[in-house]
N, C-alpha and C. Protein backbone atom coordinates (compact mmCIF):
# COMPACT_ATOMS: atom_id res chain seq x y z
N MET A 1 -72.68 -18.98 46.27
CA MET A 1 -72.18 -17.71 46.17
C MET A 1 -73.14 -16.55 46.86
N SER A 2 -72.08 -15.79 47.87
CA SER A 2 -72.45 -15.05 48.89
C SER A 2 -72.99 -13.50 47.94
N LYS A 3 -73.73 -13.07 48.64
CA LYS A 3 -74.45 -11.66 48.12
C LYS A 3 -73.22 -10.73 48.47
N ALA A 4 -73.21 -9.56 47.42
CA ALA A 4 -72.62 -8.27 47.91
C ALA A 4 -73.02 -7.62 49.33
N ALA A 5 -72.48 -6.85 49.73
CA ALA A 5 -73.30 -6.03 50.78
C ALA A 5 -72.53 -4.49 50.33
N LEU A 6 -73.48 -3.58 50.88
CA LEU A 6 -73.39 -2.23 51.02
C LEU A 6 -73.83 -1.73 52.44
N TYR A 7 -73.07 -0.57 52.80
CA TYR A 7 -73.40 -0.08 54.15
C TYR A 7 -73.78 1.47 53.85
N ILE A 8 -74.83 1.74 54.73
CA ILE A 8 -75.25 3.16 54.79
C ILE A 8 -74.80 3.69 56.12
N GLU A 9 -74.05 4.98 56.20
CA GLU A 9 -73.49 5.34 57.33
C GLU A 9 -74.07 6.93 57.22
N ARG A 10 -74.40 7.24 58.67
CA ARG A 10 -74.76 8.99 58.76
C ARG A 10 -73.13 9.34 58.98
N ARG A 11 -73.19 10.51 58.15
CA ARG A 11 -71.79 11.43 58.20
C ARG A 11 -71.90 12.58 59.32
N ASP A 12 -71.05 13.01 59.95
CA ASP A 12 -70.78 14.02 60.91
C ASP A 12 -71.62 15.27 60.27
N GLN A 13 -71.59 15.23 58.75
CA GLN A 13 -72.32 16.44 58.15
C GLN A 13 -73.62 16.55 58.07
N GLY A 14 -74.26 15.41 58.74
CA GLY A 14 -75.61 15.10 58.62
C GLY A 14 -76.20 14.27 57.39
N ASP A 15 -75.20 13.98 56.27
CA ASP A 15 -75.89 13.50 55.21
C ASP A 15 -75.46 11.84 55.31
N TYR A 16 -75.77 10.97 54.10
CA TYR A 16 -75.41 9.52 54.25
C TYR A 16 -74.46 9.40 53.10
N ALA A 17 -73.50 8.36 53.83
CA ALA A 17 -72.52 7.77 52.74
C ALA A 17 -72.95 6.32 52.24
N ILE A 18 -72.70 5.83 51.06
CA ILE A 18 -72.95 4.32 50.92
C ILE A 18 -71.47 3.92 50.81
N ARG A 19 -70.97 2.75 51.52
CA ARG A 19 -69.81 2.18 51.33
C ARG A 19 -70.05 0.71 51.01
N LYS A 20 -68.82 0.31 50.24
CA LYS A 20 -68.74 -1.13 50.13
C LYS A 20 -67.57 -1.53 51.29
N PRO A 21 -67.74 -2.75 51.88
CA PRO A 21 -67.17 -3.27 52.79
C PRO A 21 -65.52 -3.15 52.89
N GLY A 22 -65.04 -2.54 54.02
CA GLY A 22 -63.58 -2.43 53.87
C GLY A 22 -63.10 -1.15 52.72
N SER A 23 -63.75 -0.41 52.35
CA SER A 23 -63.68 0.82 51.52
C SER A 23 -63.26 1.98 52.46
N GLU A 24 -62.21 3.01 51.85
CA GLU A 24 -61.96 4.03 53.09
C GLU A 24 -62.56 5.33 52.40
N ARG A 25 -63.38 5.17 50.96
CA ARG A 25 -64.21 6.43 50.48
C ARG A 25 -65.64 5.99 50.19
N ALA A 26 -66.39 6.79 50.35
CA ALA A 26 -67.81 6.22 49.99
C ALA A 26 -68.14 6.22 48.79
N SER A 27 -69.05 5.47 47.94
CA SER A 27 -69.28 5.24 46.62
C SER A 27 -70.23 6.23 46.26
N ALA A 28 -71.07 6.74 47.04
CA ALA A 28 -71.93 7.93 46.98
C ALA A 28 -72.29 8.57 48.39
N ILE A 29 -72.77 9.77 48.04
CA ILE A 29 -73.04 10.56 49.53
C ILE A 29 -74.39 11.29 49.23
N LEU A 30 -75.61 11.02 49.87
CA LEU A 30 -76.78 11.57 49.54
C LEU A 30 -77.47 12.47 50.97
N PRO A 31 -78.33 13.30 50.65
CA PRO A 31 -78.82 13.91 51.99
C PRO A 31 -79.57 13.32 52.85
N THR A 32 -80.48 12.03 52.41
CA THR A 32 -81.40 11.62 53.38
C THR A 32 -81.16 10.04 53.26
N GLN A 33 -81.49 9.15 54.29
CA GLN A 33 -81.06 8.12 54.37
C GLN A 33 -82.02 7.38 53.23
N SER A 34 -83.43 7.81 53.19
CA SER A 34 -83.84 6.88 52.00
C SER A 34 -83.48 7.14 50.90
N GLU A 35 -83.08 8.10 50.29
CA GLU A 35 -82.34 8.51 49.01
C GLU A 35 -81.05 7.71 49.18
N ALA A 36 -80.27 7.40 50.23
CA ALA A 36 -79.16 6.58 49.98
C ALA A 36 -79.56 5.29 50.03
N ILE A 37 -80.69 4.53 50.61
CA ILE A 37 -81.19 3.26 50.68
C ILE A 37 -81.46 3.24 48.90
N GLU A 38 -82.22 3.75 48.25
CA GLU A 38 -82.71 3.58 47.12
C GLU A 38 -81.45 3.88 46.02
N ARG A 39 -80.56 4.64 46.38
CA ARG A 39 -79.48 4.81 45.28
C ARG A 39 -78.61 3.35 45.58
N ALA A 40 -78.67 2.84 46.55
CA ALA A 40 -77.65 1.70 47.07
C ALA A 40 -78.37 0.55 46.28
N ARG A 41 -79.77 0.43 46.44
CA ARG A 41 -80.41 -0.55 45.45
C ARG A 41 -80.28 -0.46 43.99
N GLU A 42 -80.14 0.64 43.50
CA GLU A 42 -79.90 0.94 42.30
C GLU A 42 -78.36 0.52 41.67
N MET A 43 -77.39 0.96 42.46
CA MET A 43 -75.99 0.42 42.39
C MET A 43 -75.83 -1.05 42.25
N LYS A 44 -76.48 -1.91 43.02
CA LYS A 44 -76.46 -3.27 43.52
C LYS A 44 -77.50 -4.04 43.58
N PRO A 45 -78.18 -4.33 42.74
CA PRO A 45 -79.91 -4.56 42.87
C PRO A 45 -79.89 -5.87 43.78
N ASP A 46 -78.68 -6.76 43.80
CA ASP A 46 -78.63 -8.20 44.58
C ASP A 46 -77.84 -7.87 45.93
N ALA A 47 -77.49 -6.79 46.00
CA ALA A 47 -76.72 -6.56 47.51
C ALA A 47 -77.63 -6.37 48.55
N ALA A 48 -76.96 -6.70 49.62
CA ALA A 48 -77.61 -6.83 51.13
C ALA A 48 -77.43 -5.56 51.52
N VAL A 49 -78.20 -4.53 51.74
CA VAL A 49 -78.12 -3.08 52.08
C VAL A 49 -78.04 -3.18 53.52
N HIS A 50 -77.19 -2.70 54.38
CA HIS A 50 -77.26 -2.60 56.03
C HIS A 50 -77.02 -1.01 56.23
N VAL A 51 -78.26 -0.69 57.11
CA VAL A 51 -78.23 0.89 57.60
C VAL A 51 -77.66 0.86 58.81
N GLU A 52 -76.76 1.81 59.22
CA GLU A 52 -76.43 2.36 60.78
C GLU A 52 -77.78 2.97 61.23
N ARG A 53 -77.74 2.26 62.45
CA ARG A 53 -78.82 2.84 63.27
C ARG A 53 -78.52 4.25 63.85
N VAL A 54 -79.02 5.25 63.65
CA VAL A 54 -79.13 6.57 64.03
C VAL A 54 -79.42 7.19 65.15
N ARG A 55 -80.20 6.22 65.70
CA ARG A 55 -80.87 6.87 67.02
C ARG A 55 -80.87 5.59 68.05
N ASP A 56 -80.46 5.82 69.54
CA ASP A 56 -80.70 4.72 70.31
C ASP A 56 -82.14 4.53 70.66
N THR A 57 -82.28 3.22 70.60
CA THR A 57 -83.54 2.76 71.18
C THR A 57 -83.66 1.64 72.36
N ASN A 58 -84.71 0.97 72.94
CA ASN A 58 -84.74 0.25 73.96
C ASN A 58 -83.74 -1.01 73.59
N VAL A 59 -83.79 -1.40 72.29
CA VAL A 59 -83.34 -2.79 71.97
C VAL A 59 -81.97 -2.31 71.22
N GLY A 60 -81.55 -1.45 70.80
CA GLY A 60 -80.00 -1.13 70.43
C GLY A 60 -79.67 0.19 70.31
N GLY A 61 -78.32 0.33 69.97
CA GLY A 61 -77.60 1.74 70.07
C GLY A 61 -77.23 1.70 68.74
N ARG A 62 -76.61 2.68 68.46
CA ARG A 62 -75.94 3.42 67.41
C ARG A 62 -74.80 2.66 66.89
N ASP A 63 -74.44 1.60 67.49
CA ASP A 63 -73.52 0.68 66.68
C ASP A 63 -73.86 -0.36 66.40
N LYS A 64 -75.33 -0.45 66.23
CA LYS A 64 -75.88 -1.76 65.61
C LYS A 64 -76.64 -1.37 64.09
N TRP A 65 -76.47 -2.46 63.40
CA TRP A 65 -77.11 -2.24 61.78
C TRP A 65 -78.40 -3.01 61.60
N ARG A 66 -79.23 -2.36 60.60
CA ARG A 66 -80.34 -3.08 60.41
C ARG A 66 -80.14 -3.32 58.89
N LYS A 67 -80.77 -4.41 58.27
CA LYS A 67 -81.20 -4.60 57.06
C LYS A 67 -82.19 -3.56 56.72
N ALA A 68 -82.07 -2.96 55.31
CA ALA A 68 -83.10 -2.04 54.57
C ALA A 68 -84.03 -3.10 53.94
């Protein structure tokens, strides 16, 4: 059985949305990335939480995801 996944994305407003794969609306919106990660783990403790990279680095840009 595969694990469910949740994605945390930064919005244009500067806050963070928690989304299920393929969803159009956010399940939750929180002011900080750490609060969004914590809330995602509360929502689905067994889910893989993927966080959008919000800054450019030497090894990846904003289009990359990392596991929280």
